[in-house]
PDB file of all heavy atoms in Angstrom:
ATOM      1  N   SER A   1       2.045  15.784   2.480  1.00  0.00           N
ATOM      2  CA  SER A   1       3.502  15.840   2.605  1.00  0.00           C
ATOM      3  C   SER A   1       4.151  15.591   1.256  1.00  0.00           C
ATOM      4  O   SER A   1       3.702  14.733   0.485  1.00  0.00           O
ATOM      5  CB  SER A   1       4.009  14.778   3.599  1.00  0.00           C
ATOM      6  OG  SER A   1       3.551  15.035   4.907  1.00  0.00           O
ATOM      7  N   LEU A   2       5.216  16.354   0.977  1.00  0.00           N
ATOM      8  CA  LEU A   2       6.031  16.123  -0.206  1.00  0.00           C
ATOM      9  C   LEU A   2       7.121  15.123   0.177  1.00  0.00           C
ATOM     10  O   LEU A   2       7.950  15.405   1.032  1.00  0.00           O
ATOM     11  CB  LEU A   2       6.650  17.431  -0.689  1.00  0.00           C
ATOM     12  CG  LEU A   2       7.480  17.357  -1.984  1.00  0.00           C
ATOM     13  CD1 LEU A   2       6.591  16.968  -3.155  1.00  0.00           C
ATOM     14  CD2 LEU A   2       8.159  18.698  -2.241  1.00  0.00           C
ATOM     15  N   LEU A   3       7.114  13.951  -0.450  1.00  0.00           N
ATOM     16  CA  LEU A   3       8.024  12.866  -0.082  1.00  0.00           C
ATOM     17  C   LEU A   3       8.984  12.542  -1.220  1.00  0.00           C
ATOM     18  O   LEU A   3       8.681  12.803  -2.397  1.00  0.00           O
ATOM     19  CB  LEU A   3       7.221  11.609   0.292  1.00  0.00           C
ATOM     20  CG  LEU A   3       6.253  11.762   1.470  1.00  0.00           C
ATOM     21  CD1 LEU A   3       5.469  10.475   1.686  1.00  0.00           C
ATOM     22  CD2 LEU A   3       7.000  12.144   2.737  1.00  0.00           C
ATOM     23  N   PRO A   4      10.154  11.969  -0.906  1.00  0.00           N
ATOM     24  CA  PRO A   4      11.159  11.645  -1.930  1.00  0.00           C
ATOM     25  C   PRO A   4      10.748  10.421  -2.756  1.00  0.00           C
ATOM     26  O   PRO A   4      11.245   9.303  -2.541  1.00  0.00           O
ATOM     27  CB  PRO A   4      12.420  11.383  -1.108  1.00  0.00           C
ATOM     28  CG  PRO A   4      11.914  10.893   0.214  1.00  0.00           C
ATOM     29  CD  PRO A   4      10.641  11.656   0.449  1.00  0.00           C
ATOM     30  N   ALA A   5       9.855  10.629  -3.709  1.00  0.00           N
ATOM     31  CA  ALA A   5       9.279   9.521  -4.468  1.00  0.00           C
ATOM     32  C   ALA A   5      10.331   8.772  -5.296  1.00  0.00           C
ATOM     33  O   ALA A   5      10.308   7.534  -5.367  1.00  0.00           O
ATOM     34  CB  ALA A   5       8.162  10.037  -5.376  1.00  0.00           C
ATOM     35  N   ASN A   6      11.219   9.494  -5.957  1.00  0.00           N
ATOM     36  CA  ASN A   6      12.230   8.814  -6.769  1.00  0.00           C
ATOM     37  C   ASN A   6      13.129   7.920  -5.919  1.00  0.00           C
ATOM     38  O   ASN A   6      13.513   6.814  -6.327  1.00  0.00           O
ATOM     39  CB  ASN A   6      13.074   9.834  -7.549  1.00  0.00           C
ATOM     40  CG  ASN A   6      12.332  10.403  -8.732  1.00  0.00           C
ATOM     41  OD1 ASN A   6      11.201   9.996  -9.026  1.00  0.00           O
ATOM     42  ND2 ASN A   6      12.946  11.346  -9.432  1.00  0.00           N
ATOM     43  N   TYR A   7      13.474   8.401  -4.736  1.00  0.00           N
ATOM     44  CA  TYR A   7      14.271   7.597  -3.806  1.00  0.00           C
ATOM     45  C   TYR A   7      13.521   6.318  -3.449  1.00  0.00           C
ATOM     46  O   TYR A   7      14.107   5.226  -3.425  1.00  0.00           O
ATOM     47  CB  TYR A   7      14.566   8.409  -2.545  1.00  0.00           C
ATOM     48  CG  TYR A   7      15.342   7.651  -1.488  1.00  0.00           C
ATOM     49  CD1 TYR A   7      16.737   7.673  -1.474  1.00  0.00           C
ATOM     50  CD2 TYR A   7      14.681   6.912  -0.509  1.00  0.00           C
ATOM     51  CE1 TYR A   7      17.456   6.975  -0.506  1.00  0.00           C
ATOM     52  CE2 TYR A   7      15.384   6.215   0.464  1.00  0.00           C
ATOM     53  CZ  TYR A   7      16.773   6.252   0.451  1.00  0.00           C
ATOM     54  OH  TYR A   7      17.467   5.545   1.406  1.00  0.00           O
ATOM     55  N   MET A   8      12.229   6.439  -3.202  1.00  0.00           N
ATOM     56  CA  MET A   8      11.428   5.272  -2.854  1.00  0.00           C
ATOM     57  C   MET A   8      11.369   4.277  -4.003  1.00  0.00           C
ATOM     58  O   MET A   8      11.422   3.062  -3.787  1.00  0.00           O
ATOM     59  CB  MET A   8      10.013   5.712  -2.460  1.00  0.00           C
ATOM     60  CG  MET A   8       9.962   6.537  -1.183  1.00  0.00           C
ATOM     61  SD  MET A   8       8.338   7.269  -0.917  1.00  0.00           S
ATOM     62  CE  MET A   8       7.323   5.794  -0.853  1.00  0.00           C
ATOM     63  N   VAL A   9      11.260   4.791  -5.216  1.00  0.00           N
ATOM     64  CA  VAL A   9      11.225   3.917  -6.390  1.00  0.00           C
ATOM     65  C   VAL A   9      12.551   3.169  -6.529  1.00  0.00           C
ATOM     66  O   VAL A   9      12.588   1.944  -6.700  1.00  0.00           O
ATOM     67  CB  VAL A   9      10.933   4.730  -7.666  1.00  0.00           C
ATOM     68  CG1 VAL A   9      11.136   3.870  -8.910  1.00  0.00           C
ATOM     69  CG2 VAL A   9       9.505   5.285  -7.626  1.00  0.00           C
ATOM     70  N   ARG A  10      13.651   3.903  -6.454  1.00  0.00           N
ATOM     71  CA  ARG A  10      14.970   3.294  -6.662  1.00  0.00           C
ATOM     72  C   ARG A  10      15.363   2.325  -5.558  1.00  0.00           C
ATOM     73  O   ARG A  10      16.221   1.470  -5.767  1.00  0.00           O
ATOM     74  CB  ARG A  10      16.014   4.405  -6.798  1.00  0.00           C
ATOM     75  CG  ARG A  10      15.832   5.255  -8.050  1.00  0.00           C
ATOM     76  CD  ARG A  10      16.856   6.373  -8.133  1.00  0.00           C
ATOM     77  NE  ARG A  10      16.630   7.180  -9.335  1.00  0.00           N
ATOM     78  CZ  ARG A  10      16.529   8.503  -9.344  1.00  0.00           C
ATOM     79  NH1 ARG A  10      16.632   9.179  -8.204  1.00  0.00           N
ATOM     80  NH2 ARG A  10      16.329   9.156 -10.473  1.00  0.00           N
ATOM     81  N   HIS A  11      14.768   2.471  -4.384  1.00  0.00           N
ATOM     82  CA  HIS A  11      15.095   1.580  -3.276  1.00  0.00           C
ATOM     83  C   HIS A  11      13.948   0.622  -2.937  1.00  0.00           C
ATOM     84  O   HIS A  11      14.020  -0.102  -1.953  1.00  0.00           O
ATOM     85  CB  HIS A  11      15.464   2.408  -2.035  1.00  0.00           C
ATOM     86  CG  HIS A  11      16.747   3.157  -2.188  1.00  0.00           C
ATOM     87  ND1 HIS A  11      16.833   4.359  -2.866  1.00  0.00           N
ATOM     88  CD2 HIS A  11      18.004   2.879  -1.768  1.00  0.00           C
ATOM     89  CE1 HIS A  11      18.091   4.787  -2.838  1.00  0.00           C
ATOM     90  NE2 HIS A  11      18.819   3.915  -2.188  1.00  0.00           N
ATOM     91  N   GLU A  12      12.930   0.633  -3.769  1.00  0.00           N
ATOM     92  CA  GLU A  12      11.781  -0.258  -3.590  1.00  0.00           C
ATOM     93  C   GLU A  12      11.272  -0.231  -2.148  1.00  0.00           C
ATOM     94  O   GLU A  12      11.082  -1.262  -1.506  1.00  0.00           O
ATOM     95  CB  GLU A  12      12.112  -1.692  -4.026  1.00  0.00           C
ATOM     96  CG  GLU A  12      12.308  -1.825  -5.520  1.00  0.00           C
ATOM     97  CD  GLU A  12      12.288  -3.269  -6.019  1.00  0.00           C
ATOM     98  OE1 GLU A  12      12.290  -4.193  -5.181  1.00  0.00           O
ATOM     99  OE2 GLU A  12      12.280  -3.459  -7.240  1.00  0.00           O
ATOM    100  N   VAL A  13      11.067   0.965  -1.655  1.00  0.00           N
ATOM    101  CA  VAL A  13      10.515   1.132  -0.316  1.00  0.00           C
ATOM    102  C   VAL A  13       9.001   0.953  -0.380  1.00  0.00           C
ATOM    103  O   VAL A  13       8.320   1.569  -1.198  1.00  0.00           O
ATOM    104  CB  VAL A  13      10.849   2.535   0.244  1.00  0.00           C
ATOM    105  CG1 VAL A  13      10.126   2.773   1.565  1.00  0.00           C
ATOM    106  CG2 VAL A  13      12.357   2.680   0.434  1.00  0.00           C
ATOM    107  N   THR A  14       8.488   0.084   0.450  1.00  0.00           N
ATOM    108  CA  THR A  14       7.043  -0.108   0.551  1.00  0.00           C
ATOM    109  C   THR A  14       6.471   0.887   1.544  1.00  0.00           C
ATOM    110  O   THR A  14       6.906   0.943   2.701  1.00  0.00           O
ATOM    111  CB  THR A  14       6.708  -1.538   1.016  1.00  0.00           C
ATOM    112  OG1 THR A  14       7.189  -2.469   0.056  1.00  0.00           O
ATOM    113  CG2 THR A  14       5.209  -1.716   1.176  1.00  0.00           C
ATOM    114  N   LEU A  15       5.514   1.677   1.082  1.00  0.00           N
ATOM    115  CA  LEU A  15       4.867   2.685   1.924  1.00  0.00           C
ATOM    116  C   LEU A  15       3.424   2.249   2.147  1.00  0.00           C
ATOM    117  O   LEU A  15       2.677   2.038   1.193  1.00  0.00           O
ATOM    118  CB  LEU A  15       4.912   4.052   1.240  1.00  0.00           C
ATOM    119  CG  LEU A  15       4.481   5.266   2.054  1.00  0.00           C
ATOM    120  CD1 LEU A  15       5.463   5.513   3.193  1.00  0.00           C
ATOM    121  CD2 LEU A  15       4.388   6.499   1.166  1.00  0.00           C
ATOM    122  N   VAL A  16       3.032   2.090   3.406  1.00  0.00           N
ATOM    123  CA  VAL A  16       1.682   1.616   3.707  1.00  0.00           C
ATOM    124  C   VAL A  16       1.071   2.469   4.803  1.00  0.00           C
ATOM    125  O   VAL A  16       1.748   2.886   5.746  1.00  0.00           O
ATOM    126  CB  VAL A  16       1.700   0.118   4.117  1.00  0.00           C
ATOM    127  CG1 VAL A  16       2.589  -0.101   5.334  1.00  0.00           C
ATOM    128  CG2 VAL A  16       0.299  -0.401   4.387  1.00  0.00           C
ATOM    129  N   GLY A  17      -0.195   2.769   4.661  1.00  0.00           N
ATOM    130  CA  GLY A  17      -0.911   3.503   5.693  1.00  0.00           C
ATOM    131  C   GLY A  17      -1.487   2.542   6.719  1.00  0.00           C
ATOM    132  O   GLY A  17      -1.749   1.373   6.428  1.00  0.00           O
ATOM    133  N   SER A  18      -1.670   3.047   7.927  1.00  0.00           N
ATOM    134  CA  SER A  18      -2.297   2.260   8.995  1.00  0.00           C
ATOM    135  C   SER A  18      -3.392   3.114   9.619  1.00  0.00           C
ATOM    136  O   SER A  18      -3.107   4.136  10.248  1.00  0.00           O
ATOM    137  CB  SER A  18      -1.265   1.851  10.047  1.00  0.00           C
ATOM    138  OG  SER A  18      -1.877   1.144  11.113  1.00  0.00           O
ATOM    139  N   PHE A  19      -4.635   2.690   9.453  1.00  0.00           N
ATOM    140  CA  PHE A  19      -5.770   3.468   9.953  1.00  0.00           C
ATOM    141  C   PHE A  19      -6.552   2.664  10.984  1.00  0.00           C
ATOM    142  O   PHE A  19      -7.079   1.593  10.680  1.00  0.00           O
ATOM    143  CB  PHE A  19      -6.697   3.872   8.806  1.00  0.00           C
ATOM    144  CG  PHE A  19      -7.909   4.646   9.252  1.00  0.00           C
ATOM    145  CD1 PHE A  19      -7.787   5.952   9.706  1.00  0.00           C
ATOM    146  CD2 PHE A  19      -9.161   4.058   9.253  1.00  0.00           C
ATOM    147  CE1 PHE A  19      -8.893   6.655  10.148  1.00  0.00           C
ATOM    148  CE2 PHE A  19     -10.277   4.758   9.691  1.00  0.00           C
ATOM    149  CZ  PHE A  19     -10.145   6.063  10.135  1.00  0.00           C
ATOM    150  N   THR A  20      -6.617   3.136  12.167  1.00  0.00           N
ATOM    151  CA  THR A  20      -7.361   2.566  13.293  1.00  0.00           C
ATOM    152  C   THR A  20      -7.064   1.063  13.456  1.00  0.00           C
ATOM    153  O   THR A  20      -5.931   0.680  13.619  1.00  0.00           O
ATOM    154  CB  THR A  20      -8.873   2.842  13.178  1.00  0.00           C
ATOM    155  OG1 THR A  20      -9.409   2.238  12.007  1.00  0.00           O
ATOM    156  CG2 THR A  20      -9.129   4.334  13.148  1.00  0.00           C
ATOM    157  N   TYR A  21      -8.114   0.213  13.349  1.00  0.00           N
ATOM    158  CA  TYR A  21      -7.983  -1.194  13.729  1.00  0.00           C
ATOM    159  C   TYR A  21      -9.232  -1.942  13.281  1.00  0.00           C
ATOM    160  O   TYR A  21     -10.300  -1.362  13.056  1.00  0.00           O
ATOM    161  CB  TYR A  21      -7.853  -1.309  15.257  1.00  0.00           C
ATOM    162  CG  TYR A  21      -8.698  -0.268  15.951  1.00  0.00           C
ATOM    163  CD1 TYR A  21     -10.082  -0.422  16.081  1.00  0.00           C
ATOM    164  CD2 TYR A  21      -8.135   0.935  16.369  1.00  0.00           C
ATOM    165  CE1 TYR A  21     -10.861   0.565  16.637  1.00  0.00           C
ATOM    166  CE2 TYR A  21      -8.926   1.931  16.932  1.00  0.00           C
ATOM    167  CZ  TYR A  21     -10.285   1.740  17.063  1.00  0.00           C
ATOM    168  OH  TYR A  21     -11.073   2.729  17.592  1.00  0.00           O
ATOM    169  N   THR A  22      -9.105  -3.240  13.169  1.00  0.00           N
ATOM    170  CA  THR A  22     -10.256  -4.098  12.907  1.00  0.00           C
ATOM    171  C   THR A  22     -10.827  -4.568  14.239  1.00  0.00           C
ATOM    172  O   THR A  22     -10.180  -4.441  15.283  1.00  0.00           O
ATOM    173  CB  THR A  22      -9.848  -5.321  12.077  1.00  0.00           C
ATOM    174  OG1 THR A  22      -8.973  -6.150  12.878  1.00  0.00           O
ATOM    175  CG2 THR A  22      -9.134  -4.914  10.798  1.00  0.00           C
ATOM    176  N   PRO A  23     -12.031  -5.151  14.239  1.00  0.00           N
ATOM    177  CA  PRO A  23     -12.550  -5.721  15.491  1.00  0.00           C
ATOM    178  C   PRO A  23     -11.612  -6.763  16.099  1.00  0.00           C
ATOM    179  O   PRO A  23     -11.480  -6.843  17.327  1.00  0.00           O
ATOM    180  CB  PRO A  23     -13.887  -6.339  15.058  1.00  0.00           C
ATOM    181  CG  PRO A  23     -14.334  -5.471  13.914  1.00  0.00           C
ATOM    182  CD  PRO A  23     -13.070  -5.147  13.175  1.00  0.00           C
ATOM    183  N   ASP A  24     -10.943  -7.548  15.262  1.00  0.00           N
ATOM    184  CA  ASP A  24      -9.988  -8.535  15.779  1.00  0.00           C
ATOM    185  C   ASP A  24      -8.800  -7.848  16.457  1.00  0.00           C
ATOM    186  O   ASP A  24      -8.303  -8.318  17.490  1.00  0.00           O
ATOM    187  CB  ASP A  24      -9.492  -9.441  14.659  1.00  0.00           C
ATOM    188  CG  ASP A  24     -10.535 -10.454  14.213  1.00  0.00           C
ATOM    189  OD1 ASP A  24     -11.513 -10.671  14.964  1.00  0.00           O
ATOM    190  OD2 ASP A  24     -10.389 -11.013  13.115  1.00  0.00           O
ATOM    191  N   ASP A  25      -8.317  -6.735  15.867  1.00  0.00           N
ATOM    192  CA  ASP A  25      -7.232  -5.972  16.490  1.00  0.00           C
ATOM    193  C   ASP A  25      -7.664  -5.457  17.856  1.00  0.00           C
ATOM    194  O   ASP A  25      -6.894  -5.475  18.820  1.00  0.00           O
ATOM    195  CB  ASP A  25      -6.831  -4.779  15.619  1.00  0.00           C
ATOM    196  CG  ASP A  25      -6.229  -5.170  14.286  1.00  0.00           C
ATOM    197  OD1 ASP A  25      -5.527  -6.196  14.225  1.00  0.00           O
ATOM    198  OD2 ASP A  25      -6.460  -4.435  13.304  1.00  0.00           O
ATOM    199  N   PHE A  26      -8.895  -4.981  17.941  1.00  0.00           N
ATOM    200  CA  PHE A  26      -9.406  -4.426  19.203  1.00  0.00           C
ATOM    201  C   PHE A  26      -9.460  -5.511  20.268  1.00  0.00           C
ATOM    202  O   PHE A  26      -9.036  -5.298  21.411  1.00  0.00           O
ATOM    203  CB  PHE A  26     -10.792  -3.811  18.976  1.00  0.00           C
ATOM    204  CG  PHE A  26     -11.243  -2.909  20.081  1.00  0.00           C
ATOM    205  CD1 PHE A  26     -10.926  -1.559  20.067  1.00  0.00           C
ATOM    206  CD2 PHE A  26     -11.988  -3.400  21.144  1.00  0.00           C
ATOM    207  CE1 PHE A  26     -11.329  -0.711  21.099  1.00  0.00           C
ATOM    208  CE2 PHE A  26     -12.391  -2.562  22.180  1.00  0.00           C
ATOM    209  CZ  PHE A  26     -12.068  -1.219  22.151  1.00  0.00           C
ATOM    210  N   LYS A  27      -9.965  -6.687  19.899  1.00  0.00           N
ATOM    211  CA  LYS A  27     -10.024  -7.804  20.847  1.00  0.00           C
ATOM    212  C   LYS A  27      -8.616  -8.213  21.269  1.00  0.00           C
ATOM    213  O   LYS A  27      -8.369  -8.516  22.452  1.00  0.00           O
ATOM    214  CB  LYS A  27     -10.748  -8.989  20.200  1.00  0.00           C
ATOM    215  CG  LYS A  27     -10.793 -10.250  21.062  1.00  0.00           C
ATOM    216  CD  LYS A  27     -11.496 -10.014  22.386  1.00  0.00           C
ATOM    217  CE  LYS A  27     -11.794 -11.304  23.141  1.00  0.00           C
ATOM    218  NZ  LYS A  27     -10.586 -12.077  23.466  1.00  0.00           N
ATOM    219  N   HIS A  28      -7.669  -8.231  20.340  1.00  0.00           N
ATOM    220  CA  HIS A  28      -6.292  -8.594  20.670  1.00  0.00           C
ATOM    221  C   HIS A  28      -5.696  -7.582  21.644  1.00  0.00           C
ATOM    222  O   HIS A  28      -4.980  -7.954  22.594  1.00  0.00           O
ATOM    223  CB  HIS A  28      -5.451  -8.685  19.405  1.00  0.00           C
ATOM    224  CG  HIS A  28      -4.041  -9.128  19.639  1.00  0.00           C
ATOM    225  ND1 HIS A  28      -3.718 -10.223  20.402  1.00  0.00           N
ATOM    226  CD2 HIS A  28      -2.857  -8.605  19.228  1.00  0.00           C
ATOM    227  CE1 HIS A  28      -2.400 -10.371  20.444  1.00  0.00           C
ATOM    228  NE2 HIS A  28      -1.862  -9.400  19.747  1.00  0.00           N
ATOM    229  N   ALA A  29      -5.994  -6.301  21.431  1.00  0.00           N
ATOM    230  CA  ALA A  29      -5.496  -5.258  22.333  1.00  0.00           C
ATOM    231  C   ALA A  29      -6.042  -5.467  23.736  1.00  0.00           C
ATOM    232  O   ALA A  29      -5.317  -5.326  24.732  1.00  0.00           O
ATOM    233  CB  ALA A  29      -5.877  -3.879  21.806  1.00  0.00           C
ATOM    234  N   LEU A  30      -7.321  -5.803  23.847  1.00  0.00           N
ATOM    235  CA  LEU A  30      -7.909  -6.063  25.160  1.00  0.00           C
ATOM    236  C   LEU A  30      -7.226  -7.256  25.822  1.00  0.00           C
ATOM    237  O   LEU A  30      -6.935  -7.239  27.029  1.00  0.00           O
ATOM    238  CB  LEU A  30      -9.416  -6.299  25.025  1.00  0.00           C
ATOM    239  CG  LEU A  30     -10.190  -6.561  26.314  1.00  0.00           C
ATOM    240  CD1 LEU A  30      -9.987  -5.439  27.318  1.00  0.00           C
ATOM    241  CD2 LEU A  30     -11.674  -6.743  26.015  1.00  0.00           C
ATOM    242  N   ASP A  31      -6.936  -8.280  25.040  1.00  0.00           N
ATOM    243  CA  ASP A  31      -6.223  -9.446  25.579  1.00  0.00           C
ATOM    244  C   ASP A  31      -4.838  -9.058  26.096  1.00  0.00           C
ATOM    245  O   ASP A  31      -4.398  -9.540  27.154  1.00  0.00           O
ATOM    246  CB  ASP A  31      -6.091 -10.526  24.506  1.00  0.00           C
ATOM    247  CG  ASP A  31      -7.418 -11.182  24.154  1.00  0.00           C
ATOM    248  OD1 ASP A  31      -8.364 -11.086  24.964  1.00  0.00           O
ATOM    249  OD2 ASP A  31      -7.509 -11.779  23.062  1.00  0.00           O
ATOM    250  N   LEU A  32      -4.138  -8.178  25.364  1.00  0.00           N
ATOM    251  CA  LEU A  32      -2.803  -7.748  25.796  1.00  0.00           C
ATOM    252  C   LEU A  32      -2.877  -6.971  27.108  1.00  0.00           C
ATOM    253  O   LEU A  32      -1.991  -7.090  27.967  1.00  0.00           O
ATOM    254  CB  LEU A  32      -2.141  -6.892  24.712  1.00  0.00           C
ATOM    255  CG  LEU A  32      -1.762  -7.602  23.411  1.00  0.00           C
ATOM    256  CD1 LEU A  32      -1.080  -6.630  22.453  1.00  0.00           C
ATOM    257  CD2 LEU A  32      -0.850  -8.795  23.673  1.00  0.00           C
ATOM    258  N   LEU A  33      -3.922  -6.174  27.275  1.00  0.00           N
ATOM    259  CA  LEU A  33      -4.103  -5.446  28.528  1.00  0.00           C
ATOM    260  C   LEU A  33      -4.356  -6.414  29.687  1.00  0.00           C
ATOM    261  O   LEU A  33      -3.804  -6.251  30.779  1.00  0.00           O
ATOM    262  CB  LEU A  33      -5.257  -4.454  28.400  1.00  0.00           C
ATOM    263  CG  LEU A  33      -4.964  -3.198  27.584  1.00  0.00           C
ATOM    264  CD1 LEU A  33      -6.247  -2.507  27.159  1.00  0.00           C
ATOM    265  CD2 LEU A  33      -4.096  -2.229  28.386  1.00  0.00           C
ATOM    266  N   VAL A  34      -5.179  -7.419  29.437  1.00  0.00           N
ATOM    267  CA  VAL A  34      -5.462  -8.422  30.460  1.00  0.00           C
ATOM    268  C   VAL A  34      -4.170  -9.144  30.855  1.00  0.00           C
ATOM    269  O   VAL A  34      -3.943  -9.456  32.025  1.00  0.00           O
ATOM    270  CB  VAL A  34      -6.517  -9.421  29.959  1.00  0.00           C
ATOM    271  CG1 VAL A  34      -6.672 -10.580  30.932  1.00  0.00           C
ATOM    272  CG2 VAL A  34      -7.863  -8.719  29.754  1.00  0.00           C
ATOM    273  N   GLN A  35      -3.301  -9.369  29.867  1.00  0.00           N
ATOM    274  CA  GLN A  35      -2.037 -10.065  30.117  1.00  0.00           C
ATOM    275  C   GLN A  35      -0.980  -9.156  30.747  1.00  0.00           C
ATOM    276  O   GLN A  35       0.096  -9.621  31.122  1.00  0.00           O
ATOM    277  CB  GLN A  35      -1.501 -10.645  28.802  1.00  0.00           C
ATOM    278  CG  GLN A  35      -2.377 -11.729  28.199  1.00  0.00           C
ATOM    279  CD  GLN A  35      -2.067 -11.997  26.731  1.00  0.00           C
ATOM    280  OE1 GLN A  35      -1.005 -11.603  26.229  1.00  0.00           O
ATOM    281  NE2 GLN A  35      -2.991 -12.636  26.036  1.00  0.00           N
ATOM    282  N   GLY A  36      -1.271  -7.857  30.855  1.00  0.00           N
ATOM    283  CA  GLY A  36      -0.366  -6.941  31.522  1.00  0.00           C
ATOM    284  C   GLY A  36       0.712  -6.337  30.655  1.00  0.00           C
ATOM    285  O   GLY A  36       1.692  -5.782  31.175  1.00  0.00           O
ATOM    286  N   HIS A  37       0.570  -6.384  29.329  1.00  0.00           N
ATOM    287  CA  HIS A  37       1.584  -5.807  28.448  1.00  0.00           C
ATOM    288  C   HIS A  37       1.620  -4.284  28.521  1.00  0.00           C
ATOM    289  O   HIS A  37       2.656  -3.672  28.256  1.00  0.00           O
ATOM    290  CB  HIS A  37       1.346  -6.261  27.001  1.00  0.00           C
ATOM    291  CG  HIS A  37       1.681  -7.697  26.762  1.00  0.00           C
ATOM    292  ND1 HIS A  37       2.960  -8.131  26.508  1.00  0.00           N
ATOM    293  CD2 HIS A  37       0.897  -8.803  26.769  1.00  0.00           C
ATOM    294  CE1 HIS A  37       2.951  -9.447  26.347  1.00  0.00           C
ATOM    295  NE2 HIS A  37       1.713  -9.878  26.502  1.00  0.00           N
ATOM    296  N   VAL A  38       0.496  -3.663  28.861  1.00  0.00           N
ATOM    297  CA  VAL A  38       0.429  -2.220  29.085  1.00  0.00           C
ATOM    298  C   VAL A  38      -0.327  -1.992  30.384  1.00  0.00           C
ATOM    299  O   VAL A  38      -1.420  -2.552  30.579  1.00  0.00           O
ATOM    300  CB  VAL A  38      -0.278  -1.487  27.927  1.00  0.00           C
ATOM    301  CG1 VAL A  38      -0.475  -0.010  28.269  1.00  0.00           C
ATOM    302  CG2 VAL A  38       0.513  -1.623  26.636  1.00  0.00           C
ATOM    303  N   LYS A  39       0.245  -1.171  31.265  1.00  0.00           N
ATOM    304  CA  LYS A  39      -0.392  -0.891  32.545  1.00  0.00           C
ATOM    305  C   LYS A  39      -0.491   0.621  32.744  1.00  0.00           C
ATOM    306  O   LYS A  39       0.444   1.356  32.397  1.00  0.00           O
ATOM    307  CB  LYS A  39       0.419  -1.515  33.683  1.00  0.00           C
ATOM    308  CG  LYS A  39       0.507  -3.034  33.601  1.00  0.00           C
ATOM    309  CD  LYS A  39       1.345  -3.602  34.737  1.00  0.00           C
ATOM    310  CE  LYS A  39       1.436  -5.120  34.638  1.00  0.00           C
ATOM    311  NZ  LYS A  39       2.261  -5.699  35.725  1.00  0.00           N
ATOM    312  N   PRO A  40      -1.591   1.099  33.310  1.00  0.00           N
ATOM    313  CA  PRO A  40      -1.774   2.548  33.522  1.00  0.00           C
ATOM    314  C   PRO A  40      -1.015   3.044  34.744  1.00  0.00           C
ATOM    315  O   PRO A  40      -1.598   3.436  35.749  1.00  0.00           O
ATOM    316  CB  PRO A  40      -3.289   2.675  33.704  1.00  0.00           C
ATOM    317  CG  PRO A  40      -3.701   1.356  34.289  1.00  0.00           C
ATOM    318  CD  PRO A  40      -2.793   0.329  33.673  1.00  0.00           C
ATOM    319  N   SER A  41       0.309   3.043  34.670  1.00  0.00           N
ATOM    320  CA  SER A  41       1.133   3.445  35.803  1.00  0.00           C
ATOM    321  C   SER A  41       1.414   4.941  35.786  1.00  0.00           C
ATOM    322  O   SER A  41       1.347   5.603  34.744  1.00  0.00           O
ATOM    323  CB  SER A  41       2.446   2.668  35.806  1.00  0.00           C
ATOM    324  OG  SER A  41       3.124   2.827  34.577  1.00  0.00           O
ATOM    325  N   ALA A  42       1.771   5.469  36.955  1.00  0.00           N
ATOM    326  CA  ALA A  42       1.922   6.913  37.134  1.00  0.00           C
ATOM    327  C   ALA A  42       3.138   7.484  36.419  1.00  0.00           C
ATOM    328  O   ALA A  42       3.253   8.703  36.290  1.00  0.00           O
ATOM    329  CB  ALA A  42       2.010   7.231  38.624  1.00  0.00           C
ATOM    330  N   ASP A  43       4.057   6.642  35.941  1.00  0.00           N
ATOM    331  CA  ASP A  43       5.240   7.175  35.266  1.00  0.00           C
ATOM    332  C   ASP A  43       4.923   7.684  33.863  1.00  0.00           C
ATOM    333  O   ASP A  43       5.729   8.409  33.272  1.00  0.00           O
ATOM    334  CB  ASP A  43       6.349   6.112  35.213  1.00  0.00           C
ATOM    335  CG  ASP A  43       5.915   4.845  34.498  1.00  0.00           C
ATOM    336  OD1 ASP A  43       4.691   4.615  34.373  1.00  0.00           O
ATOM    337  OD2 ASP A  43       6.798   4.085  34.070  1.00  0.00           O
ATOM    338  N   TRP A  44       3.767   7.321  33.327  1.00  0.00           N
ATOM    339  CA  TRP A  44       3.423   7.802  31.984  1.00  0.00           C
ATOM    340  C   TRP A  44       1.976   8.278  31.863  1.00  0.00           C
ATOM    341  O   TRP A  44       1.623   8.932  30.891  1.00  0.00           O
ATOM    342  CB  TRP A  44       3.699   6.712  30.943  1.00  0.00           C
ATOM    343  CG  TRP A  44       2.685   5.594  30.924  1.00  0.00           C
ATOM    344  CD1 TRP A  44       2.566   4.578  31.823  1.00  0.00           C
ATOM    345  CD2 TRP A  44       1.642   5.388  29.960  1.00  0.00           C
ATOM    346  NE1 TRP A  44       1.515   3.750  31.485  1.00  0.00           N
ATOM    347  CE2 TRP A  44       0.948   4.224  30.335  1.00  0.00           C
ATOM    348  CE3 TRP A  44       1.246   6.073  28.805  1.00  0.00           C
ATOM    349  CZ2 TRP A  44      -0.131   3.730  29.610  1.00  0.00           C
ATOM    350  CZ3 TRP A  44       0.164   5.574  28.073  1.00  0.00           C
ATOM    351  CH2 TRP A  44      -0.506   4.415  28.488  1.00  0.00           C
ATOM    352  N   LEU A  45       1.126   8.001  32.858  1.00  0.00           N
ATOM    353  CA  LEU A  45      -0.304   8.322  32.755  1.00  0.00           C
ATOM    354  C   LEU A  45      -0.778   9.028  34.015  1.00  0.00           C
ATOM    355  O   LEU A  45      -0.424   8.640  35.131  1.00  0.00           O
ATOM    356  CB  LEU A  45      -1.093   7.032  32.518  1.00  0.00           C
ATOM    357  CG  LEU A  45      -2.603   7.137  32.345  1.00  0.00           C
ATOM    358  CD1 LEU A  45      -3.105   6.050  31.381  1.00  0.00           C
ATOM    359  CD2 LEU A  45      -3.328   6.986  33.689  1.00  0.00           C
TER     360      LEU A  45
END
């Protein structure tokens, strides 16, 4: 992608990539499912 680099420099925008997850992230996600933060309901799945 061609991005507005000068704009980012002048506004000190932090650009960070996010790729997959760590094992700790995966365990945390499983905990959130157990706690009911995401449910496989028919309105979206």
